[in-house]
Every structure is written in structure tokens, then in C-alpha cells.
Amino acid sequence: MSGADERTPVDVAVGVLIDADGRFLLTSRPEGKVYAGYWEFPGGKLEAGESVEQALRRELHEEIGITIGPVQPWKIELMDYPHARVRLHFCKVFAWTGEFEMRERQQMAWQDLPVQVQPVLPGTVPVLAWFAEERGFSGPTCATDTLAR
């Protein structure tokens, strides 16, 4: 059994916000966090007793100041980072209320394929590939394809 297999994954709810034009929201990781400055889909860890949807609603309100509408569970991806093993629960969100407010002094950017912001967090990369597949997009999913390793 390798070290990665022995680490219990942390469950993380991830919001894939999609606007009326089909663009999706990426936010930068705030200073002081692992991978600060890398771009990702917003979200956060589930707290004890929380469902993925409850965690996503709480995290998006805490981090970016919005209240989300219906949540569509989409895909689950297991990622092994040096600092943690995470189980990412990606959920599509098409409706929200409130003004975006970057409460952790992070940045936000509405993106399409190929993504123009960089660097992109490794856990974000599979989502870009899923979008490419769904949308019939071919070619690099990032402008320069420079990714965190």
C-alpha cells in the first residue's frame, strides 16, 4: 500500500458556475493558502454532517458573497496533492443572486475555452477537459497549457 492510498480523502464541494453565455467562473486561490495565485473553481471542504450541496451553498456565500440556486451534481474526481488527498464533488450552477464579492481578496474571471488565466490548479484541469468534450472543443484547454505540477 502506498502513502497516497493510506491518506483519507477530504471531501470538497466545487461550484462550476455557468453564465447565460456559457462562460464559467474561475477564482484565484488567496494569499496564504497552498497554491496561492492558482486559478480554480470556487468551493471548499464539507463540514461534519453537511451534504455537498449544503457545503457548496455555505462556501460560495462565504467566499464570493452569492446565494446559489439549484445545484446539479456533475462529476467526482480524486486528486492527490502533496499536502492533501481531496475528493472533488463538482456541481454545475446556472442561477445565483447577489453581487460577487471576493471576500478572501481573491480574483475572479469569467472564462471560456481555452482558459486565458494562469496558472491553473491541477484539480481544475479535468473540468476543462469535460467542458471540451461536452462542447465539441478541440485543442488546448488552457491558453499556454502551463499547469501546476
Protein backbone atom coordinates (compact mmCIF):
# COMPACT_ATOMS: atom_id res chain seq x y z
CA MET A 1 0.00 0.00 0.00
CA SER A 2 1.47 3.36 -1.00
CA GLY A 3 1.33 6.51 1.08
CA ALA A 4 -1.35 8.03 -1.17
CA ASP A 5 -3.65 5.03 -0.59
CA GLU A 6 -3.32 5.44 3.17
CA ARG A 7 -4.43 9.08 3.17
CA THR A 8 -8.13 9.59 3.73
CA PRO A 9 -9.55 11.96 1.11
CA VAL A 10 -11.04 15.27 2.20
CA ASP A 11 -14.44 15.89 0.57
CA VAL A 12 -14.67 19.24 -1.20
CA ALA A 13 -17.76 20.81 -2.81
CA VAL A 14 -16.86 22.69 -6.00
CA GLY A 15 -19.12 25.14 -7.83
CA VAL A 16 -18.97 25.27 -11.61
CA LEU A 17 -20.91 28.49 -12.19
CA ILE A 18 -22.02 28.86 -15.79
CA ASP A 19 -23.49 32.14 -17.08
CA ALA A 20 -26.06 32.71 -19.84
CA ASP A 21 -23.25 32.92 -22.44
CA GLY A 22 -21.81 29.54 -21.38
CA ARG A 23 -18.79 31.07 -19.68
CA PHE A 24 -17.63 29.58 -16.39
CA LEU A 25 -16.28 31.31 -13.30
CA LEU A 26 -12.73 30.74 -12.07
CA THR A 27 -11.29 32.33 -8.94
CA SER A 28 -7.68 32.63 -7.80
CA ARG A 29 -6.52 30.99 -4.59
CA PRO A 30 -5.95 33.63 -1.92
CA GLU A 31 -2.56 34.56 -0.49
CA GLY A 32 -1.59 32.39 2.46
CA LYS A 33 -3.21 29.22 1.06
CA VAL A 34 -1.47 26.33 -0.66
CA TYR A 35 -1.16 27.10 -4.40
CA ALA A 36 -1.87 30.81 -3.79
CA GLY A 37 -2.48 32.58 -7.10
CA TYR A 38 -3.53 29.45 -8.97
CA TRP A 39 -6.94 29.52 -10.67
CA GLU A 40 -9.71 27.11 -9.70
CA PHE A 41 -13.45 26.67 -9.46
CA PRO A 42 -14.70 28.09 -6.13
CA GLY A 43 -15.78 25.88 -3.25
CA GLY A 44 -14.50 24.29 -0.08
CA LYS A 45 -14.43 21.44 2.39
CA LEU A 46 -17.54 19.76 3.71
CA GLU A 47 -18.05 20.25 7.42
CA ALA A 48 -19.29 17.42 9.67
CA GLY A 49 -22.86 16.46 8.76
CA GLU A 50 -23.02 18.66 5.65
CA SER A 51 -24.16 17.44 2.25
CA VAL A 52 -22.22 18.51 -0.85
CA GLU A 53 -24.99 20.98 -1.71
CA GLN A 54 -25.08 22.46 1.79
CA ALA A 55 -21.31 22.89 1.81
CA LEU A 56 -21.36 24.48 -1.64
CA ARG A 57 -24.07 26.97 -0.64
CA ARG A 58 -22.16 27.91 2.52
CA GLU A 59 -18.74 28.14 0.85
CA LEU A 60 -19.89 30.23 -2.12
CA HIS A 61 -21.67 32.65 0.20
CA GLU A 62 -18.62 32.88 2.50
CA GLU A 63 -16.04 33.19 -0.30
CA ILE A 64 -17.73 35.15 -3.07
CA GLY A 65 -20.88 36.59 -1.50
CA ILE A 66 -23.56 34.95 -3.65
CA THR A 67 -26.55 32.76 -2.91
CA ILE A 68 -26.79 29.93 -5.42
CA GLY A 69 -29.95 28.50 -6.96
CA PRO A 70 -30.41 24.83 -7.90
CA VAL A 71 -27.31 22.63 -7.84
CA GLN A 72 -26.68 19.92 -10.45
CA PRO A 73 -24.22 17.29 -9.17
CA TRP A 74 -21.91 16.63 -12.12
CA LYS A 75 -18.74 14.60 -11.59
CA ILE A 76 -16.42 13.46 -8.81
CA GLU A 77 -12.64 13.48 -9.17
CA LEU A 78 -9.99 12.24 -6.72
CA MET A 79 -6.84 14.39 -6.67
CA ASP A 80 -3.60 13.68 -4.86
CA TYR A 81 -1.75 16.84 -3.94
CA PRO A 82 1.45 16.79 -1.88
CA HIS A 83 -0.40 18.46 1.02
CA ALA A 84 -3.70 16.55 0.82
CA ARG A 85 -5.78 13.97 -0.97
CA VAL A 86 -9.12 15.51 -1.99
CA ARG A 87 -12.35 14.14 -3.40
CA LEU A 88 -13.74 16.96 -5.53
CA HIS A 89 -17.54 16.98 -5.95
CA PHE A 90 -18.14 19.19 -8.99
CA CYS A 91 -21.62 20.71 -9.26
CA LYS A 92 -22.97 22.86 -12.07
CA VAL A 93 -24.78 26.02 -11.02
CA PHE A 94 -26.69 28.16 -13.54
CA ALA A 95 -28.50 30.59 -11.22
CA TRP A 96 -27.47 32.77 -8.29
CA THR A 97 -28.40 36.01 -6.59
CA GLY A 98 -26.33 38.73 -5.01
CA GLU A 99 -23.29 40.66 -6.13
CA PHE A 100 -19.95 38.92 -6.45
CA GLU A 101 -17.73 39.99 -3.58
CA MET A 102 -14.25 38.49 -3.34
CA ARG A 103 -14.21 38.12 0.44
CA GLU A 104 -10.76 36.47 0.59
CA ARG A 105 -9.20 39.14 -1.65
CA GLN A 106 -9.00 36.62 -4.46
CA GLN A 107 -9.59 37.45 -8.13
CA MET A 108 -12.38 36.21 -10.37
CA ALA A 109 -12.60 35.76 -14.13
CA TRP A 110 -15.33 34.52 -16.46
CA GLN A 111 -13.66 32.14 -18.88
CA ASP A 112 -14.32 30.03 -21.94
CA LEU A 113 -12.10 27.51 -23.69
CA PRO A 114 -9.21 27.92 -23.98
CA VAL A 115 -8.84 29.38 -20.48
CA GLN A 116 -6.79 32.60 -20.55
CA VAL A 117 -5.89 32.88 -16.84
CA GLN A 118 -2.90 31.03 -15.49
CA PRO A 119 -1.56 29.06 -13.75
CA VAL A 120 -4.45 26.59 -13.42
CA LEU A 121 -4.74 24.30 -10.39
CA PRO A 122 -4.40 20.58 -11.27
CA GLY A 123 -7.89 19.85 -9.90
CA THR A 124 -9.31 22.29 -12.44
CA VAL A 125 -7.77 20.55 -15.46
CA PRO A 126 -10.21 17.59 -15.66
CA VAL A 127 -13.16 20.01 -15.68
CA LEU A 128 -11.72 21.84 -18.68
CA ALA A 129 -11.41 18.51 -20.49
CA TRP A 130 -15.05 17.66 -19.60
CA PHE A 131 -16.17 21.04 -20.96
CA ALA A 132 -14.17 20.44 -24.14
CA GLU A 133 -15.84 17.05 -24.59
CA GLU A 134 -19.33 18.41 -23.91
CA ARG A 135 -18.85 21.39 -26.20
CA GLY A 136 -17.02 19.64 -29.02
CA PHE A 137 -13.94 21.79 -28.42
CA SER A 138 -10.60 20.57 -29.70
CA GLY A 139 -7.18 21.95 -28.95
CA PRO A 140 -5.50 23.06 -25.73
CA THR A 141 -7.94 23.90 -22.94
CA CYS A 142 -5.54 26.48 -21.47
CA ALA A 143 -4.06 29.39 -23.43
CA THR A 144 -0.50 28.24 -22.86
CA ASP A 145 -1.18 24.88 -21.25
CA THR A 146 1.03 25.80 -18.29
CA LEU A 147 -0.31 23.92 -15.31
CA ALA A 148 0.68 23.40 -11.71
CA ARG A 149 2.56 20.14 -11.33
